[in-house]
């Protein structure tokens, strides 16, 4: 075999190895996920229609909407949260979040104005609540109207706590 043909063969082999290495490096590994159905997995949805009383909205800067505590032996995986609320005409900076306490939350994207001082915040989210924890949707801001009925929902599933 001539020097030139062996050089071409070497280049072809190196190119093939490079293509294989690139495709192996970019191959996706399977995600480790748990299906949201099957034995031990229970769909969960809770809706709270609330009248902003002093216990729910103690002032115009803060509302906390409580949901039923997570049952013993279960973990709640929240996959979607939403809230509808009203603000004054000068209201700014309202933030909707979900969590077990006001200082342990995850914010939803900015709410959308739907008219007549009403806003809706709604988003997919992943948040975990352990057995016995009370899920909350929080609305914090500068001018939440405390005399208009609001609505909050969380959706997800219950799995065995490990």
C-alpha atoms as a PDB file:
ATOM      1  CA  UNK A   1       0.000   0.000   0.000  1.00  0.00           C
ATOM      2  CA  UNK A   2       1.366   3.360  -0.917  1.00  0.00           C
ATOM      3  CA  UNK A   3       2.126   6.064   1.610  1.00  0.00           C
ATOM      4  CA  UNK A   4      -0.617   8.235   0.136  1.00  0.00           C
ATOM      5  CA  UNK A   5      -3.381   5.598   0.334  1.00  0.00           C
ATOM      6  CA  UNK A   6      -2.426   4.661   3.913  1.00  0.00           C
ATOM      7  CA  UNK A   7      -2.606   8.342   4.817  1.00  0.00           C
ATOM      8  CA  UNK A   8      -6.114   8.554   3.307  1.00  0.00           C
ATOM      9  CA  UNK A   9      -7.212   5.437   5.197  1.00  0.00           C
ATOM     10  CA  UNK A  10      -5.816   6.887   8.458  1.00  0.00           C
ATOM     11  CA  UNK A  11      -7.700  10.146   7.877  1.00  0.00           C
ATOM     12  CA  UNK A  12     -10.940   8.287   7.130  1.00  0.00           C
ATOM     13  CA  UNK A  13     -10.577   6.225  10.301  1.00  0.00           C
ATOM     14  CA  UNK A  14      -9.838   9.344  12.390  1.00  0.00           C
ATOM     15  CA  UNK A  15     -12.864  11.121  10.898  1.00  0.00           C
ATOM     16  CA  UNK A  16     -15.109   8.142  11.682  1.00  0.00           C
ATOM     17  CA  UNK A  17     -13.787   7.989  15.251  1.00  0.00           C
ATOM     18  CA  UNK A  18     -14.387  11.743  15.655  1.00  0.00           C
ATOM     19  CA  UNK A  19     -17.979  11.417  14.404  1.00  0.00           C
ATOM     20  CA  UNK A  20     -18.631   8.518  16.800  1.00  0.00           C
ATOM     21  CA  UNK A  21     -17.054  10.395  19.714  1.00  0.00           C
ATOM     22  CA  UNK A  22     -19.174  13.483  19.017  1.00  0.00           C
ATOM     23  CA  UNK A  23     -22.394  11.499  18.769  1.00  0.00           C
ATOM     24  CA  UNK A  24     -21.568   9.575  21.960  1.00  0.00           C
ATOM     25  CA  UNK A  25     -20.785  12.810  23.807  1.00  0.00           C
ATOM     26  CA  UNK A  26     -24.060  14.413  22.720  1.00  0.00           C
ATOM     27  CA  UNK A  27     -26.229  11.379  23.485  1.00  0.00           C
ATOM     28  CA  UNK A  28     -28.859  12.194  26.087  1.00  0.00           C
ATOM     29  CA  UNK A  29     -29.054  10.107  29.216  1.00  0.00           C
ATOM     30  CA  UNK A  30     -32.524   9.048  30.264  1.00  0.00           C
ATOM     31  CA  UNK A  31     -33.961  11.311  32.951  1.00  0.00           C
ATOM     32  CA  UNK A  32     -34.678   9.708  36.286  1.00  0.00           C
ATOM     33  CA  UNK A  33     -38.338  10.489  36.772  1.00  0.00           C
ATOM     34  CA  UNK A  34     -41.234   8.990  38.638  1.00  0.00           C
ATOM     35  CA  UNK A  35     -44.442   8.689  36.646  1.00  0.00           C
ATOM     36  CA  UNK A  36     -47.379  10.716  37.942  1.00  0.00           C
ATOM     37  CA  UNK A  37     -49.653   7.682  37.898  1.00  0.00           C
ATOM     38  CA  UNK A  38     -49.659   4.135  39.208  1.00  0.00           C
ATOM     39  CA  UNK A  39     -49.842   2.444  42.608  1.00  0.00           C
ATOM     40  CA  UNK A  40     -49.385   4.853  45.511  1.00  0.00           C
ATOM     41  CA  UNK A  41     -49.693   8.001  43.382  1.00  0.00           C
ATOM     42  CA  UNK A  42     -52.849  10.048  43.902  1.00  0.00           C
ATOM     43  CA  UNK A  43     -53.878  13.084  41.833  1.00  0.00           C
ATOM     44  CA  UNK A  44     -54.304  16.214  43.960  1.00  0.00           C
ATOM     45  CA  UNK A  45     -56.236  19.426  43.376  1.00  0.00           C
ATOM     46  CA  UNK A  46     -57.388  22.000  45.887  1.00  0.00           C
ATOM     47  CA  UNK A  47     -59.218  25.245  45.201  1.00  0.00           C
ATOM     48  CA  UNK A  48     -59.712  27.974  47.776  1.00  0.00           C
ATOM     49  CA  UNK A  49     -62.224  30.761  47.295  1.00  0.00           C
ATOM     50  CA  UNK A  50     -61.256  33.327  49.905  1.00  0.00           C
ATOM     51  CA  UNK A  51     -62.704  36.516  51.302  1.00  0.00           C
ATOM     52  CA  UNK A  52     -59.761  38.565  52.475  1.00  0.00           C
ATOM     53  CA  UNK A  53     -60.459  38.562  56.209  1.00  0.00           C
ATOM     54  CA  UNK A  54     -57.993  39.780  58.818  1.00  0.00           C
ATOM     55  CA  UNK A  55     -56.663  36.235  59.239  1.00  0.00           C
ATOM     56  CA  UNK A  56     -56.049  35.769  55.489  1.00  0.00           C
ATOM     57  CA  UNK A  57     -55.015  39.323  54.556  1.00  0.00           C
ATOM     58  CA  UNK A  58     -54.011  41.093  57.758  1.00  0.00           C
ATOM     59  CA  UNK A  59     -53.164  44.224  55.740  1.00  0.00           C
ATOM     60  CA  UNK A  60     -52.944  45.441  52.157  1.00  0.00           C
ATOM     61  CA  UNK A  61     -49.366  44.161  51.790  1.00  0.00           C
ATOM     62  CA  UNK A  62     -49.813  40.478  52.514  1.00  0.00           C
ATOM     63  CA  UNK A  63     -52.322  37.648  52.016  1.00  0.00           C
ATOM     64  CA  UNK A  64     -51.850  33.973  52.835  1.00  0.00           C
ATOM     65  CA  UNK A  65     -54.236  31.399  51.436  1.00  0.00           C
ATOM     66  CA  UNK A  66     -53.968  28.092  53.304  1.00  0.00           C
ATOM     67  CA  UNK A  67     -54.692  24.681  51.818  1.00  0.00           C
ATOM     68  CA  UNK A  68     -55.339  21.435  53.706  1.00  0.00           C
ATOM     69  CA  UNK A  69     -52.226  19.958  55.355  1.00  0.00           C
ATOM     70  CA  UNK A  70     -50.462  17.143  53.507  1.00  0.00           C
ATOM     71  CA  UNK A  71     -51.707  13.776  54.807  1.00  0.00           C
ATOM     72  CA  UNK A  72     -49.442  11.674  57.024  1.00  0.00           C
ATOM     73  CA  UNK A  73     -47.206   9.339  55.055  1.00  0.00           C
ATOM     74  CA  UNK A  74     -47.547  11.362  51.849  1.00  0.00           C
ATOM     75  CA  UNK A  75     -45.491  13.978  50.007  1.00  0.00           C
ATOM     76  CA  UNK A  76     -47.327  16.552  47.895  1.00  0.00           C
ATOM     77  CA  UNK A  77     -45.716  17.438  44.579  1.00  0.00           C
ATOM     78  CA  UNK A  78     -47.320  20.655  43.318  1.00  0.00           C
ATOM     79  CA  UNK A  79     -47.109  20.970  39.538  1.00  0.00           C
ATOM     80  CA  UNK A  80     -49.290  24.058  38.996  1.00  0.00           C
ATOM     81  CA  UNK A  81     -50.376  27.010  41.132  1.00  0.00           C
ATOM     82  CA  UNK A  82     -52.614  29.998  40.470  1.00  0.00           C
ATOM     83  CA  UNK A  83     -54.227  32.941  42.228  1.00  0.00           C
ATOM     84  CA  UNK A  84     -56.729  35.629  41.334  1.00  0.00           C
ATOM     85  CA  UNK A  85     -56.747  38.821  43.376  1.00  0.00           C
ATOM     86  CA  UNK A  86     -57.527  42.543  43.235  1.00  0.00           C
ATOM     87  CA  UNK A  87     -55.350  45.573  43.859  1.00  0.00           C
ATOM     88  CA  UNK A  88     -56.009  49.267  44.265  1.00  0.00           C
ATOM     89  CA  UNK A  89     -55.526  51.593  41.294  1.00  0.00           C
ATOM     90  CA  UNK A  90     -52.108  52.574  42.640  1.00  0.00           C
ATOM     91  CA  UNK A  91     -51.049  48.976  43.409  1.00  0.00           C
ATOM     92  CA  UNK A  92     -47.597  47.890  42.286  1.00  0.00           C
ATOM     93  CA  UNK A  93     -45.186  45.013  42.839  1.00  0.00           C
ATOM     94  CA  UNK A  94     -47.669  42.257  43.682  1.00  0.00           C
ATOM     95  CA  UNK A  95     -45.901  38.901  43.851  1.00  0.00           C
ATOM     96  CA  UNK A  96     -47.642  35.534  44.017  1.00  0.00           C
ATOM     97  CA  UNK A  97     -45.663  32.678  45.515  1.00  0.00           C
ATOM     98  CA  UNK A  98     -46.171  29.214  46.921  1.00  0.00           C
ATOM     99  CA  UNK A  99     -44.561  27.725  49.993  1.00  0.00           C
ATOM    100  CA  UNK A 100     -44.828  26.336  53.500  1.00  0.00           C
ATOM    101  CA  UNK A 101     -44.044  29.713  55.081  1.00  0.00           C
ATOM    102  CA  UNK A 102     -43.619  33.289  53.895  1.00  0.00           C
ATOM    103  CA  UNK A 103     -39.838  32.908  54.067  1.00  0.00           C
ATOM    104  CA  UNK A 104     -39.663  29.591  52.191  1.00  0.00           C
ATOM    105  CA  UNK A 105     -41.388  30.244  48.867  1.00  0.00           C
ATOM    106  CA  UNK A 106     -41.062  30.028  45.115  1.00  0.00           C
ATOM    107  CA  UNK A 107     -42.444  32.904  43.041  1.00  0.00           C
ATOM    108  CA  UNK A 108     -44.816  32.481  40.129  1.00  0.00           C
ATOM    109  CA  UNK A 109     -44.234  34.561  36.990  1.00  0.00           C
ATOM    110  CA  UNK A 110     -45.710  38.066  36.972  1.00  0.00           C
ATOM    111  CA  UNK A 111     -49.495  38.204  37.106  1.00  0.00           C
ATOM    112  CA  UNK A 112     -51.606  39.255  34.122  1.00  0.00           C
ATOM    113  CA  UNK A 113     -54.114  42.099  34.363  1.00  0.00           C
ATOM    114  CA  UNK A 114     -57.594  40.799  33.494  1.00  0.00           C
ATOM    115  CA  UNK A 115     -59.570  43.997  34.078  1.00  0.00           C
ATOM    116  CA  UNK A 116     -61.359  45.912  36.839  1.00  0.00           C
ATOM    117  CA  UNK A 117     -58.303  45.894  39.123  1.00  0.00           C
ATOM    118  CA  UNK A 118     -58.119  42.045  38.896  1.00  0.00           C
ATOM    119  CA  UNK A 119     -54.982  40.028  38.248  1.00  0.00           C
ATOM    120  CA  UNK A 120     -54.304  36.343  37.624  1.00  0.00           C
ATOM    121  CA  UNK A 121     -51.013  34.600  38.312  1.00  0.00           C
ATOM    122  CA  UNK A 122     -50.882  31.048  36.964  1.00  0.00           C
ATOM    123  CA  UNK A 123     -47.938  28.833  36.149  1.00  0.00           C
ATOM    124  CA  UNK A 124     -46.500  25.353  36.077  1.00  0.00           C
ATOM    125  CA  UNK A 125     -44.190  24.919  39.054  1.00  0.00           C
ATOM    126  CA  UNK A 126     -42.525  22.130  40.989  1.00  0.00           C
ATOM    127  CA  UNK A 127     -42.699  22.474  44.757  1.00  0.00           C
ATOM    128  CA  UNK A 128     -42.613  19.753  47.407  1.00  0.00           C
ATOM    129  CA  UNK A 129     -44.526  19.662  50.679  1.00  0.00           C
ATOM    130  CA  UNK A 130     -43.741  17.044  53.289  1.00  0.00           C
ATOM    131  CA  UNK A 131     -46.259  15.150  55.477  1.00  0.00           C
ATOM    132  CA  UNK A 132     -48.125  17.488  57.814  1.00  0.00           C
ATOM    133  CA  UNK A 133     -46.990  20.713  56.089  1.00  0.00           C
ATOM    134  CA  UNK A 134     -49.631  23.243  55.135  1.00  0.00           C
ATOM    135  CA  UNK A 135     -49.288  24.547  51.568  1.00  0.00           C
ATOM    136  CA  UNK A 136     -49.844  28.291  51.162  1.00  0.00           C
ATOM    137  CA  UNK A 137     -50.249  30.635  48.230  1.00  0.00           C
ATOM    138  CA  UNK A 138     -48.955  34.064  49.240  1.00  0.00           C
ATOM    139  CA  UNK A 139     -49.785  37.389  47.657  1.00  0.00           C
ATOM    140  CA  UNK A 140     -47.435  40.153  48.693  1.00  0.00           C
ATOM    141  CA  UNK A 141     -47.227  43.656  47.329  1.00  0.00           C
ATOM    142  CA  UNK A 142     -48.140  47.222  47.959  1.00  0.00           C
ATOM    143  CA  UNK A 143     -51.905  47.503  47.589  1.00  0.00           C
ATOM    144  CA  UNK A 144     -53.841  44.239  47.671  1.00  0.00           C
ATOM    145  CA  UNK A 145     -57.565  44.963  48.027  1.00  0.00           C
ATOM    146  CA  UNK A 146     -58.742  43.258  51.179  1.00  0.00           C
ATOM    147  CA  UNK A 147     -62.465  43.593  50.416  1.00  0.00           C
ATOM    148  CA  UNK A 148     -62.672  41.584  47.150  1.00  0.00           C
ATOM    149  CA  UNK A 149     -63.051  37.819  46.935  1.00  0.00           C
ATOM    150  CA  UNK A 150     -60.115  35.967  45.423  1.00  0.00           C
ATOM    151  CA  UNK A 151     -59.344  32.447  44.300  1.00  0.00           C
ATOM    152  CA  UNK A 152     -56.259  30.242  44.599  1.00  0.00           C
ATOM    153  CA  UNK A 153     -55.562  26.713  43.352  1.00  0.00           C
ATOM    154  CA  UNK A 154     -52.817  24.138  43.553  1.00  0.00           C
ATOM    155  CA  UNK A 155     -52.632  20.985  41.442  1.00  0.00           C
ATOM    156  CA  UNK A 156     -50.247  18.060  41.623  1.00  0.00           C
ATOM    157  CA  UNK A 157     -50.062  14.600  43.080  1.00  0.00           C
ATOM    158  CA  UNK A 158     -49.436  12.786  46.339  1.00  0.00           C
ATOM    159  CA  UNK A 159     -46.702  10.138  46.538  1.00  0.00           C
ATOM    160  CA  UNK A 160     -45.570   7.982  49.438  1.00  0.00           C
ATOM    161  CA  UNK A 161     -43.168   9.907  51.678  1.00  0.00           C
ATOM    162  CA  UNK A 162     -39.771   8.299  51.858  1.00  0.00           C
END
